């Protein structure tokens, strides 16, 4: 009986942790060298970028090593357009999963144009 109750407790804790992570939603982690001033997503390959997600942040931009809550999208593959003070970049085919953080690093910024 004790083993059964212990197993039930472990399962309940795991389930509550998963629900808590899901509630946090999808987040972007800025691992680029600069502050991101604009960030929008498009279903991969469709060039239909949505609203500026930086508006979800209290100061309207995402500093290096800061995380940003992403709203209005479902899990899937996306192209991400981001802009900082000096360039606009597109990072293609990012896999975004429910309740997780996706990061973009400086080395991924290969498709950029100057502002």
PDB file of N, CA and C in Angstrom:
ATOM      1  N   UNK A   1       0.820  -1.192   0.000  1.00  0.00           N
ATOM      2  CA  UNK A   1       0.000   0.000   0.000  1.00  0.00           C
ATOM      3  C   UNK A   1       0.866   1.259   0.000  1.00  0.00           C
ATOM      4  N   UNK A   2       1.947   1.244   0.777  1.00  0.00           N
ATOM      5  CA  UNK A   2       2.837   2.405   0.828  1.00  0.00           C
ATOM      6  C   UNK A   2       3.457   2.686  -0.534  1.00  0.00           C
ATOM      7  N   UNK A   3       3.854   1.614  -1.217  1.00  0.00           N
ATOM      8  CA  UNK A   3       4.445   1.792  -2.545  1.00  0.00           C
ATOM      9  C   UNK A   3       3.430   2.395  -3.505  1.00  0.00           C
ATOM     10  N   UNK A   4       2.214   1.966  -3.420  1.00  0.00           N
ATOM     11  CA  UNK A   4       1.166   2.498  -4.286  1.00  0.00           C
ATOM     12  C   UNK A   4       0.967   3.987  -4.021  1.00  0.00           C
ATOM     13  N   UNK A   5       0.862   4.369  -2.755  1.00  0.00           N
ATOM     14  CA  UNK A   5       0.682   5.776  -2.402  1.00  0.00           C
ATOM     15  C   UNK A   5       1.890   6.601  -2.828  1.00  0.00           C
ATOM     16  N   UNK A   6       3.078   6.048  -2.679  1.00  0.00           N
ATOM     17  CA  UNK A   6       4.283   6.741  -3.126  1.00  0.00           C
ATOM     18  C   UNK A   6       4.275   6.964  -4.631  1.00  0.00           C
ATOM     19  N   UNK A   7       3.856   5.957  -5.376  1.00  0.00           N
ATOM     20  CA  UNK A   7       3.779   6.081  -6.840  1.00  0.00           C
ATOM     21  C   UNK A   7       2.750   7.122  -7.244  1.00  0.00           C
ATOM     22  N   UNK A   8       1.611   7.130  -6.554  1.00  0.00           N
ATOM     23  CA  UNK A   8       0.560   8.119  -6.843  1.00  0.00           C
ATOM     24  C   UNK A   8       1.083   9.522  -6.572  1.00  0.00           C
ATOM     25  N   UNK A   9       1.787   9.699  -5.477  1.00  0.00           N
ATOM     26  CA  UNK A   9       2.343  11.005  -5.127  1.00  0.00           C
ATOM     27  C   UNK A   9       3.341  11.476  -6.186  1.00  0.00           C
ATOM     28  N   UNK A  10       4.206  10.600  -6.630  1.00  0.00           N
ATOM     29  CA  UNK A  10       5.182  10.949  -7.666  1.00  0.00           C
ATOM     30  C   UNK A  10       4.468  11.361  -8.951  1.00  0.00           C
ATOM     31  N   UNK A  11       3.459  10.624  -9.350  1.00  0.00           N
ATOM     32  CA  UNK A  11       2.708  10.960 -10.559  1.00  0.00           C
ATOM     33  C   UNK A  11       1.998  12.304 -10.421  1.00  0.00           C
ATOM     34  N   UNK A  12       1.420  12.567  -9.270  1.00  0.00           N
ATOM     35  CA  UNK A  12       0.748  13.850  -9.047  1.00  0.00           C
ATOM     36  C   UNK A  12       1.734  15.008  -9.113  1.00  0.00           C
ATOM     37  N   UNK A  13       2.900  14.856  -8.532  1.00  0.00           N
ATOM     38  CA  UNK A  13       3.914  15.902  -8.576  1.00  0.00           C
ATOM     39  C   UNK A  13       4.392  16.150 -10.005  1.00  0.00           C
ATOM     40  N   UNK A  14       4.608  15.087 -10.739  1.00  0.00           N
ATOM     41  CA  UNK A  14       5.036  15.225 -12.134  1.00  0.00           C
ATOM     42  C   UNK A  14       3.962  15.921 -12.961  1.00  0.00           C
ATOM     43  N   UNK A  15       2.721  15.547 -12.746  1.00  0.00           N
ATOM     44  CA  UNK A  15       1.620  16.162 -13.490  1.00  0.00           C
ATOM     45  C   UNK A  15       1.479  17.637 -13.141  1.00  0.00           C
ATOM     46  N   UNK A  16       1.607  17.995 -11.873  1.00  0.00           N
ATOM     47  CA  UNK A  16       1.471  19.401 -11.494  1.00  0.00           C
ATOM     48  C   UNK A  16       2.635  20.227 -12.038  1.00  0.00           C
ATOM     49  N   UNK A  17       3.831  19.657 -12.110  1.00  0.00           N
ATOM     50  CA  UNK A  17       4.971  20.360 -12.698  1.00  0.00           C
ATOM     51  C   UNK A  17       4.742  20.596 -14.186  1.00  0.00           C
ATOM     52  N   UNK A  18       4.198  19.608 -14.875  1.00  0.00           N
ATOM     53  CA  UNK A  18       3.911  19.754 -16.310  1.00  0.00           C
ATOM     54  C   UNK A  18       2.848  20.816 -16.548  1.00  0.00           C
ATOM     55  N   UNK A  19       1.824  20.842 -15.715  1.00  0.00           N
ATOM     56  CA  UNK A  19       0.760  21.849 -15.845  1.00  0.00           C
ATOM     57  C   UNK A  19       1.333  23.237 -15.587  1.00  0.00           C
ATOM     58  N   UNK A  20       2.179  23.381 -14.586  1.00  0.00           N
ATOM     59  CA  UNK A  20       2.787  24.676 -14.283  1.00  0.00           C
ATOM     60  C   UNK A  20       3.627  25.173 -15.452  1.00  0.00           C
ATOM     61  N   UNK A  21       4.406  24.285 -16.066  1.00  0.00           N
ATOM     62  CA  UNK A  21       5.227  24.671 -17.221  1.00  0.00           C
ATOM     63  C   UNK A  21       4.344  25.064 -18.399  1.00  0.00           C
ATOM     64  N   UNK A  22       3.272  24.318 -18.616  1.00  0.00           N
ATOM     65  CA  UNK A  22       2.339  24.614 -19.701  1.00  0.00           C
ATOM     66  C   UNK A  22       1.712  25.992 -19.501  1.00  0.00           C
ATOM     67  N   UNK A  23       1.405  26.326 -18.248  1.00  0.00           N
ATOM     68  CA  UNK A  23       0.787  27.617 -17.948  1.00  0.00           C
ATOM     69  C   UNK A  23       1.713  28.779 -18.267  1.00  0.00           C
ATOM     70  N   UNK A  24       3.006  28.561 -18.126  1.00  0.00           N
ATOM     71  CA  UNK A  24       3.959  29.625 -18.446  1.00  0.00           C
ATOM     72  C   UNK A  24       3.938  29.939 -19.932  1.00  0.00           C
ATOM     73  N   UNK A  25       3.543  28.989 -20.727  1.00  0.00           N
ATOM     74  CA  UNK A  25       3.437  29.206 -22.161  1.00  0.00           C
ATOM     75  C   UNK A  25       4.780  29.167 -22.870  1.00  0.00           C
ATOM     76  N   UNK A  26       4.742  29.564 -24.105  1.00  0.00           N
ATOM     77  CA  UNK A  26       5.928  29.587 -24.951  1.00  0.00           C
ATOM     78  C   UNK A  26       6.700  30.870 -24.648  1.00  0.00           C
ATOM     79  N   UNK A  27       8.016  30.733 -24.551  1.00  0.00           N
ATOM     80  CA  UNK A  27       8.856  31.896 -24.299  1.00  0.00           C
ATOM     81  C   UNK A  27      10.055  31.900 -25.228  1.00  0.00           C
ATOM     82  N   UNK A  28      10.510  33.093 -25.577  1.00  0.00           N
ATOM     83  CA  UNK A  28      11.709  33.311 -26.385  1.00  0.00           C
ATOM     84  C   UNK A  28      12.833  33.743 -25.448  1.00  0.00           C
ATOM     85  N   UNK A  29      14.016  33.157 -25.647  1.00  0.00           N
ATOM     86  CA  UNK A  29      15.191  33.505 -24.854  1.00  0.00           C
ATOM     87  C   UNK A  29      16.194  34.167 -25.792  1.00  0.00           C
ATOM     88  N   UNK A  30      16.500  35.424 -25.553  1.00  0.00           N
ATOM     89  CA  UNK A  30      17.408  36.181 -26.410  1.00  0.00           C
ATOM     90  C   UNK A  30      18.860  35.891 -26.049  1.00  0.00           C
ATOM     91  N   UNK A  31      19.506  35.086 -26.873  1.00  0.00           N
ATOM     92  CA  UNK A  31      20.925  34.803 -26.695  1.00  0.00           C
ATOM     93  C   UNK A  31      21.750  35.444 -27.804  1.00  0.00           C
ATOM     94  N   UNK A  32      21.184  36.486 -28.427  1.00  0.00           N
ATOM     95  CA  UNK A  32      21.947  37.250 -29.409  1.00  0.00           C
ATOM     96  C   UNK A  32      22.798  38.278 -28.655  1.00  0.00           C
ATOM     97  N   UNK A  33      23.635  38.981 -29.375  1.00  0.00           N
ATOM     98  CA  UNK A  33      24.527  39.960 -28.748  1.00  0.00           C
ATOM     99  C   UNK A  33      23.830  41.275 -28.426  1.00  0.00           C
ATOM    100  N   UNK A  34      22.651  41.499 -28.993  1.00  0.00           N
ATOM    101  CA  UNK A  34      21.999  42.801 -28.885  1.00  0.00           C
ATOM    102  C   UNK A  34      20.595  42.703 -28.300  1.00  0.00           C
ATOM    103  N   UNK A  35      20.053  43.853 -27.959  1.00  0.00           N
ATOM    104  CA  UNK A  35      18.673  43.950 -27.505  1.00  0.00           C
ATOM    105  C   UNK A  35      17.752  43.826 -28.709  1.00  0.00           C
ATOM    106  N   UNK A  36      16.794  42.925 -28.637  1.00  0.00           N
ATOM    107  CA  UNK A  36      15.825  42.734 -29.716  1.00  0.00           C
ATOM    108  C   UNK A  36      14.695  43.735 -29.519  1.00  0.00           C
ATOM    109  N   UNK A  37      14.432  44.525 -30.560  1.00  0.00           N
ATOM    110  CA  UNK A  37      13.406  45.559 -30.489  1.00  0.00           C
ATOM    111  C   UNK A  37      12.103  45.135 -31.162  1.00  0.00           C
ATOM    112  N   UNK A  38      12.197  44.176 -32.084  1.00  0.00           N
ATOM    113  CA  UNK A  38      11.026  43.635 -32.763  1.00  0.00           C
ATOM    114  C   UNK A  38      11.234  42.137 -32.958  1.00  0.00           C
ATOM    115  N   UNK A  39      10.164  41.361 -32.756  1.00  0.00           N
ATOM    116  CA  UNK A  39      10.222  39.920 -32.967  1.00  0.00           C
ATOM    117  C   UNK A  39       8.842  39.461 -33.420  1.00  0.00           C
ATOM    118  N   UNK A  40       8.794  38.823 -34.574  1.00  0.00           N
ATOM    119  CA  UNK A  40       7.513  38.299 -35.068  1.00  0.00           C
ATOM    120  C   UNK A  40       7.738  36.925 -35.675  1.00  0.00           C
ATOM    121  N   UNK A  41       6.668  36.146 -35.737  1.00  0.00           N
ATOM    122  CA  UNK A  41       6.759  34.766 -36.206  1.00  0.00           C
ATOM    123  C   UNK A  41       5.825  34.536 -37.383  1.00  0.00           C
ATOM    124  N   UNK A  42       6.238  33.629 -38.259  1.00  0.00           N
ATOM    125  CA  UNK A  42       5.438  33.194 -39.392  1.00  0.00           C
ATOM    126  C   UNK A  42       5.504  31.679 -39.461  1.00  0.00           C
ATOM    127  N   UNK A  43       4.404  31.018 -39.813  1.00  0.00           N
ATOM    128  CA  UNK A  43       4.533  29.584 -40.069  1.00  0.00           C
ATOM    129  C   UNK A  43       5.681  29.376 -41.066  1.00  0.00           C
ATOM    130  N   UNK A  44       6.506  28.390 -40.839  1.00  0.00           N
ATOM    131  CA  UNK A  44       7.717  28.178 -41.643  1.00  0.00           C
ATOM    132  C   UNK A  44       7.415  28.203 -43.142  1.00  0.00           C
ATOM    133  N   UNK A  45       8.185  29.020 -43.857  1.00  0.00           N
ATOM    134  CA  UNK A  45       8.094  29.100 -45.305  1.00  0.00           C
ATOM    135  C   UNK A  45       6.955  29.934 -45.855  1.00  0.00           C
ATOM    136  N   UNK A  46       6.155  30.556 -45.012  1.00  0.00           N
ATOM    137  CA  UNK A  46       4.962  31.267 -45.502  1.00  0.00           C
ATOM    138  C   UNK A  46       5.108  32.782 -45.582  1.00  0.00           C
ATOM    139  N   UNK A  47       6.145  33.359 -44.965  1.00  0.00           N
ATOM    140  CA  UNK A  47       6.373  34.808 -45.017  1.00  0.00           C
ATOM    141  C   UNK A  47       5.138  35.617 -44.582  1.00  0.00           C
ATOM    142  N   UNK A  48       4.386  35.110 -43.603  1.00  0.00           N
ATOM    143  CA  UNK A  48       3.224  35.826 -43.048  1.00  0.00           C
ATOM    144  C   UNK A  48       3.503  36.123 -41.580  1.00  0.00           C
ATOM    145  N   UNK A  49       4.352  37.101 -41.344  1.00  0.00           N
ATOM    146  CA  UNK A  49       4.768  37.409 -39.988  1.00  0.00           C
ATOM    147  C   UNK A  49       3.660  38.115 -39.222  1.00  0.00           C
ATOM    148  N   UNK A  50       3.474  37.664 -38.010  1.00  0.00           N
ATOM    149  CA  UNK A  50       2.428  38.207 -37.142  1.00  0.00           C
ATOM    150  C   UNK A  50       2.891  39.451 -36.416  1.00  0.00           C
ATOM    151  N   UNK A  51       2.176  39.794 -35.347  1.00  0.00           N
ATOM    152  CA  UNK A  51       2.464  41.027 -34.610  1.00  0.00           C
ATOM    153  C   UNK A  51       3.809  40.972 -33.883  1.00  0.00           C
ATOM    154  N   UNK A  52       4.287  42.142 -33.533  1.00  0.00           N
ATOM    155  CA  UNK A  52       5.537  42.292 -32.799  1.00  0.00           C
ATOM    156  C   UNK A  52       5.351  41.771 -31.376  1.00  0.00           C
ATOM    157  N   UNK A  53       5.970  40.643 -31.077  1.00  0.00           N
ATOM    158  CA  UNK A  53       5.851  40.018 -29.760  1.00  0.00           C
ATOM    159  C   UNK A  53       6.563  40.825 -28.668  1.00  0.00           C
ATOM    160  N   UNK A  54       7.464  41.718 -29.041  1.00  0.00           N
ATOM    161  CA  UNK A  54       8.141  42.539 -28.037  1.00  0.00           C
ATOM    162  C   UNK A  54       7.161  43.419 -27.276  1.00  0.00           C
ATOM    163  N   UNK A  55       5.997  43.640 -27.835  1.00  0.00           N
ATOM    164  CA  UNK A  55       4.968  44.415 -27.133  1.00  0.00           C
ATOM    165  C   UNK A  55       4.471  43.687 -25.887  1.00  0.00           C
ATOM    166  N   UNK A  56       4.784  42.393 -25.765  1.00  0.00           N
ATOM    167  CA  UNK A  56       4.418  41.628 -24.572  1.00  0.00           C
ATOM    168  C   UNK A  56       5.337  41.941 -23.392  1.00  0.00           C
ATOM    169  N   UNK A  57       6.432  42.639 -23.629  1.00  0.00           N
ATOM    170  CA  UNK A  57       7.395  42.959 -22.580  1.00  0.00           C
ATOM    171  C   UNK A  57       7.101  44.349 -22.030  1.00  0.00           C
ATOM    172  N   UNK A  58       7.323  44.541 -20.738  1.00  0.00           N
ATOM    173  CA  UNK A  58       6.972  45.816 -20.112  1.00  0.00           C
ATOM    174  C   UNK A  58       7.722  47.006 -20.695  1.00  0.00           C
ATOM    175  N   UNK A  59       8.979  46.804 -21.170  1.00  0.00           N
ATOM    176  CA  UNK A  59       9.694  47.924 -21.778  1.00  0.00           C
ATOM    177  C   UNK A  59       9.748  47.845 -23.305  1.00  0.00           C
ATOM    178  N   UNK A  60       9.049  46.867 -23.883  1.00  0.00           N
ATOM    179  CA  UNK A  60       8.911  46.780 -25.330  1.00  0.00           C
ATOM    180  C   UNK A  60      10.118  46.255 -26.078  1.00  0.00           C
ATOM    181  N   UNK A  61      11.088  45.691 -25.364  1.00  0.00           N
ATOM    182  CA  UNK A  61      12.255  45.109 -26.006  1.00  0.00           C
ATOM    183  C   UNK A  61      12.810  44.005 -25.133  1.00  0.00           C
ATOM    184  N   UNK A  62      13.666  43.165 -25.743  1.00  0.00           N
ATOM    185  CA  UNK A  62      14.188  41.985 -25.045  1.00  0.00           C
ATOM    186  C   UNK A  62      15.706  42.081 -25.002  1.00  0.00           C
ATOM    187  N   UNK A  63      16.234  42.347 -23.818  1.00  0.00           N
ATOM    188  CA  UNK A  63      17.678  42.466 -23.640  1.00  0.00           C
ATOM    189  C   UNK A  63      18.354  41.109 -23.808  1.00  0.00           C
ATOM    190  N   UNK A  64      19.673  41.126 -23.999  1.00  0.00           N
ATOM    191  CA  UNK A  64      20.450  39.890 -24.046  1.00  0.00           C
ATOM    192  C   UNK A  64      20.182  39.096 -22.768  1.00  0.00           C
ATOM    193  N   UNK A  65      19.946  37.810 -22.906  1.00  0.00           N
ATOM    194  CA  UNK A  65      19.709  36.867 -21.805  1.00  0.00           C
ATOM    195  C   UNK A  65      18.362  37.074 -21.108  1.00  0.00           C
ATOM    196  N   UNK A  66      17.480  37.841 -21.713  1.00  0.00           N
ATOM    197  CA  UNK A  66      16.126  38.022 -21.170  1.00  0.00           C
ATOM    198  C   UNK A  66      15.175  37.085 -21.905  1.00  0.00           C
ATOM    199  N   UNK A  67      14.096  36.734 -21.240  1.00  0.00           N
ATOM    200  CA  UNK A  67      13.067  35.891 -21.851  1.00  0.00           C
ATOM    201  C   UNK A  67      11.802  36.693 -22.076  1.00  0.00           C
ATOM    202  N   UNK A  68      11.073  36.318 -23.119  1.00  0.00           N
ATOM    203  CA  UNK A  68       9.864  37.026 -23.527  1.00  0.00           C
ATOM    204  C   UNK A  68       8.730  36.039 -23.709  1.00  0.00           C
ATOM    205  N   UNK A  69       7.572  36.348 -23.141  1.00  0.00           N
ATOM    206  CA  UNK A  69       6.380  35.515 -23.324  1.00  0.00           C
ATOM    207  C   UNK A  69       5.853  35.721 -24.744  1.00  0.00           C
ATOM    208  N   UNK A  70       5.603  34.612 -25.439  1.00  0.00           N
ATOM    209  CA  UNK A  70       5.067  34.636 -26.806  1.00  0.00           C
ATOM    210  C   UNK A  70       3.588  34.288 -26.733  1.00  0.00           C
ATOM    211  N   UNK A  71       2.768  35.061 -27.421  1.00  0.00           N
ATOM    212  CA  UNK A  71       1.323  34.829 -27.394  1.00  0.00           C
ATOM    213  C   UNK A  71       0.774  34.659 -28.812  1.00  0.00           C
ATOM    214  N   UNK A  72      -0.386  34.022 -28.885  1.00  0.00           N
ATOM    215  CA  UNK A  72      -1.125  33.943 -30.137  1.00  0.00           C
ATOM    216  C   UNK A  72      -0.613  32.954 -31.163  1.00  0.00           C
ATOM    217  N   UNK A  73       0.225  32.007 -30.754  1.00  0.00           N
ATOM    218  CA  UNK A  73       0.684  30.995 -31.700  1.00  0.00           C
ATOM    219  C   UNK A  73       0.483  29.605 -31.107  1.00  0.00           C
ATOM    220  N   UNK A  74       0.389  28.645 -31.977  1.00  0.00           N
ATOM    221  CA  UNK A  74       0.299  27.236 -31.598  1.00  0.00           C
ATOM    222  C   UNK A  74       1.678  26.601 -31.785  1.00  0.00           C
ATOM    223  N   UNK A  75       1.965  25.520 -31.094  1.00  0.00           N
ATOM    224  CA  UNK A  75       3.226  24.814 -31.326  1.00  0.00           C
ATOM    225  C   UNK A  75       3.375  24.437 -32.807  1.00  0.00           C
ATOM    226  N   UNK A  76       4.593  24.433 -33.282  1.00  0.00           N
ATOM    227  CA  UNK A  76       4.868  24.079 -34.673  1.00  0.00           C
ATOM    228  C   UNK A  76       6.216  24.613 -35.111  1.00  0.00           C
ATOM    229  N   UNK A  77       6.434  24.660 -36.419  1.00  0.00           N
ATOM    230  CA  UNK A  77       7.682  25.177 -36.984  1.00  0.00           C
ATOM    231  C   UNK A  77       7.426  26.589 -37.509  1.00  0.00           C
ATOM    232  N   UNK A  78       8.321  27.483 -37.134  1.00  0.00           N
ATOM    233  CA  UNK A  78       8.158  28.895 -37.471  1.00  0.00           C
ATOM    234  C   UNK A  78       9.448  29.496 -37.991  1.00  0.00           C
ATOM    235  N   UNK A  79       9.287  30.531 -38.831  1.00  0.00           N
ATOM    236  CA  UNK A  79      10.379  31.426 -39.168  1.00  0.00           C
ATOM    237  C   UNK A  79      10.229  32.618 -38.224  1.00  0.00           C
ATOM    238  N   UNK A  80      11.347  33.088 -37.693  1.00  0.00           N
ATOM    239  CA  UNK A  80      11.332  34.186 -36.732  1.00  0.00           C
ATOM    240  C   UNK A  80      12.065  35.372 -37.346  1.00  0.00           C
ATOM    241  N   UNK A  81      11.384  36.517 -37.365  1.00  0.00           N
ATOM    242  CA  UNK A  81      12.022  37.754 -37.826  1.00  0.00           C
ATOM    243  C   UNK A  81      12.289  38.605 -36.593  1.00  0.00           C
ATOM    244  N   UNK A  82      13.549  38.994 -36.422  1.00  0.00           N
ATOM    245  CA  UNK A  82      13.861  39.852 -35.289  1.00  0.00           C
ATOM    246  C   UNK A  82      14.704  41.022 -35.754  1.00  0.00           C
ATOM    247  N   UNK A  83      14.559  42.114 -35.044  1.00  0.00           N
ATOM    248  CA  UNK A  83      15.303  43.327 -35.374  1.00  0.00           C
ATOM    249  C   UNK A  83      15.926  43.888 -34.104  1.00  0.00           C
ATOM    250  N   UNK A  84      17.167  44.341 -34.255  1.00  0.00           N
ATOM    251  CA  UNK A  84      17.815  45.075 -33.183  1.00  0.00           C
ATOM    252  C   UNK A  84      18.143  46.460 -33.745  1.00  0.00           C
ATOM    253  N   UNK A  85      18.988  47.213 -33.104  1.00  0.00           N
ATOM    254  CA  UNK A  85      19.265  48.581 -33.537  1.00  0.00           C
ATOM    255  C   UNK A  85      19.995  48.658 -34.870  1.00  0.00           C
ATOM    256  N   UNK A  86      20.683  47.584 -35.263  1.00  0.00           N
ATOM    257  CA  UNK A  86      21.509  47.663 -36.467  1.00  0.00           C
ATOM    258  C   UNK A  86      21.106  46.758 -37.622  1.00  0.00           C
ATOM    259  N   UNK A  87      20.188  45.789 -37.382  1.00  0.00           N
ATOM    260  CA  UNK A  87      19.873  44.828 -38.445  1.00  0.00           C
ATOM    261  C   UNK A  87      18.505  44.194 -38.233  1.00  0.00           C
ATOM    262  N   UNK A  88      18.023  43.602 -39.334  1.00  0.00           N
ATOM    263  CA  UNK A  88      16.810  42.783 -39.306  1.00  0.00           C
ATOM    264  C   UNK A  88      17.224  41.404 -39.799  1.00  0.00           C
ATOM    265  N   UNK A  89      16.876  40.366 -39.036  1.00  0.00           N
ATOM    266  CA  UNK A  89      17.299  39.009 -39.368  1.00  0.00           C
ATOM    267  C   UNK A  89      16.104  38.062 -39.395  1.00  0.00           C
ATOM    268  N   UNK A  90      16.205  37.038 -40.222  1.00  0.00           N
ATOM    269  CA  UNK A  90      15.213  35.969 -40.235  1.00  0.00           C
ATOM    270  C   UNK A  90      15.938  34.668 -39.903  1.00  0.00           C
ATOM    271  N   UNK A  91      15.401  33.966 -38.926  1.00  0.00           N
ATOM    272  CA  UNK A  91      15.914  32.651 -38.546  1.00  0.00           C
ATOM    273  C   UNK A  91      14.828  31.661 -38.930  1.00  0.00           C
ATOM    274  N   UNK A  92      15.158  30.730 -39.772  1.00  0.00           N
ATOM    275  CA  UNK A  92      14.153  29.846 -40.364  1.00  0.00           C
ATOM    276  C   UNK A  92      14.012  28.510 -39.634  1.00  0.00           C
ATOM    277  N   UNK A  93      12.770  28.015 -39.694  1.00  0.00           N
ATOM    278  CA  UNK A  93      12.451  26.648 -39.296  1.00  0.00           C
ATOM    279  C   UNK A  93      12.773  26.327 -37.834  1.00  0.00           C
ATOM    280  N   UNK A  94      12.316  27.182 -36.948  1.00  0.00           N
ATOM    281  CA  UNK A  94      12.492  26.969 -35.507  1.00  0.00           C
ATOM    282  C   UNK A  94      11.344  26.086 -35.011  1.00  0.00           C
ATOM    283  N   UNK A  95      11.668  25.029 -34.311  1.00  0.00           N
ATOM    284  CA  UNK A  95      10.663  24.123 -33.748  1.00  0.00           C
ATOM    285  C   UNK A  95      10.220  24.676 -32.389  1.00  0.00           C
ATOM    286  N   UNK A  96       8.945  25.038 -32.290  1.00  0.00           N
ATOM    287  CA  UNK A  96       8.405  25.611 -31.059  1.00  0.00           C
ATOM    288  C   UNK A  96       7.398  24.632 -30.478  1.00  0.00           C
ATOM    289  N   UNK A  97       7.634  24.273 -29.218  1.00  0.00           N
ATOM    290  CA  UNK A  97       6.777  23.313 -28.525  1.00  0.00           C
ATOM    291  C   UNK A  97       6.020  24.009 -27.406  1.00  0.00           C
ATOM    292  N   UNK A  98       4.858  23.484 -27.065  1.00  0.00           N
ATOM    293  CA  UNK A  98       4.026  24.059 -26.011  1.00  0.00           C
ATOM    294  C   UNK A  98       4.771  24.075 -24.683  1.00  0.00           C
ATOM    295  N   UNK A  99       4.645  25.181 -23.961  1.00  0.00           N
ATOM    296  CA  UNK A  99       5.197  25.273 -22.620  1.00  0.00           C
ATOM    297  C   UNK A  99       6.702  25.260 -22.534  1.00  0.00           C
ATOM    298  N   UNK A 100       7.387  25.595 -23.630  1.00  0.00           N
ATOM    299  CA  UNK A 100       8.853  25.548 -23.611  1.00  0.00           C
ATOM    300  C   UNK A 100       9.442  26.907 -23.968  1.00  0.00           C
ATOM    301  N   UNK A 101      10.745  26.980 -23.821  1.00  0.00           N
ATOM    302  CA  UNK A 101      11.517  28.161 -24.192  1.00  0.00           C
ATOM    303  C   UNK A 101      12.291  27.824 -25.455  1.00  0.00           C
ATOM    304  N   UNK A 102      12.213  28.707 -26.458  1.00  0.00           N
ATOM    305  CA  UNK A 102      13.088  28.539 -27.618  1.00  0.00           C
ATOM    306  C   UNK A 102      14.092  29.693 -27.608  1.00  0.00           C
ATOM    307  N   UNK A 103      15.326  29.366 -27.883  1.00  0.00           N
ATOM    308  CA  UNK A 103      16.395  30.359 -27.855  1.00  0.00           C
ATOM    309  C   UNK A 103      16.881  30.635 -29.266  1.00  0.00           C
ATOM    310  N   UNK A 104      17.310  31.866 -29.477  1.00  0.00           N
ATOM    311  CA  UNK A 104      18.014  32.215 -30.710  1.00  0.00           C
ATOM    312  C   UNK A 104      19.349  32.806 -30.292  1.00  0.00           C
ATOM    313  N   UNK A 105      20.413  32.209 -30.843  1.00  0.00           N
ATOM    314  CA  UNK A 105      21.773  32.608 -30.523  1.00  0.00           C
ATOM    315  C   UNK A 105      22.353  33.455 -31.649  1.00  0.00           C
ATOM    316  N   UNK A 106      23.363  34.216 -31.326  1.00  0.00           N
ATOM    317  CA  UNK A 106      24.032  35.086 -32.298  1.00  0.00           C
ATOM    318  C   UNK A 106      24.463  34.308 -33.542  1.00  0.00           C
ATOM    319  N   UNK A 107      24.994  33.109 -33.372  1.00  0.00           N
ATOM    320  CA  UNK A 107      25.498  32.336 -34.515  1.00  0.00           C
ATOM    321  C   UNK A 107      24.383  31.918 -35.477  1.00  0.00           C
ATOM    322  N   UNK A 108      23.121  32.001 -35.047  1.00  0.00           N
ATOM    323  CA  UNK A 108      21.998  31.656 -35.934  1.00  0.00           C
ATOM    324  C   UNK A 108      21.604  32.827 -36.824  1.00  0.00           C
ATOM    325  N   UNK A 109      22.132  34.011 -36.573  1.00  0.00           N
ATOM    326  CA  UNK A 109      21.744  35.209 -37.324  1.00  0.00           C
ATOM    327  C   UNK A 109      22.607  35.339 -38.578  1.00  0.00           C
ATOM    328  N   UNK A 110      22.263  34.532 -39.578  1.00  0.00           N
ATOM    329  CA  UNK A 110      23.035  34.506 -40.819  1.00  0.00           C
ATOM    330  C   UNK A 110      22.302  35.186 -41.978  1.00  0.00           C
ATOM    331  N   UNK A 111      21.009  35.342 -41.868  1.00  0.00           N
ATOM    332  CA  UNK A 111      20.204  35.943 -42.925  1.00  0.00           C
ATOM    333  C   UNK A 111      19.729  37.313 -42.439  1.00  0.00           C
ATOM    334  N   UNK A 112      20.630  38.314 -42.556  1.00  0.00           N
ATOM    335  CA  UNK A 112      20.362  39.639 -41.992  1.00  0.00           C
ATOM    336  C   UNK A 112      20.586  40.739 -43.018  1.00  0.00           C
ATOM    337  N   UNK A 113      19.871  41.833 -42.829  1.00  0.00           N
ATOM    338  CA  UNK A 113      20.080  43.042 -43.608  1.00  0.00           C
ATOM    339  C   UNK A 113      20.261  44.200 -42.639  1.00  0.00           C
ATOM    340  N   UNK A 114      21.033  45.190 -43.053  1.00  0.00           N
ATOM    341  CA  UNK A 114      21.250  46.370 -42.200  1.00  0.00           C
ATOM    342  C   UNK A 114      19.980  47.202 -42.158  1.00  0.00           C
ATOM    343  N   UNK A 115      19.788  47.864 -41.044  1.00  0.00           N
ATOM    344  CA  UNK A 115      18.633  48.766 -40.875  1.00  0.00           C
ATOM    345  C   UNK A 115      18.926  50.090 -41.493  1.00  0.00           C
TER     346      UNK A 115
END
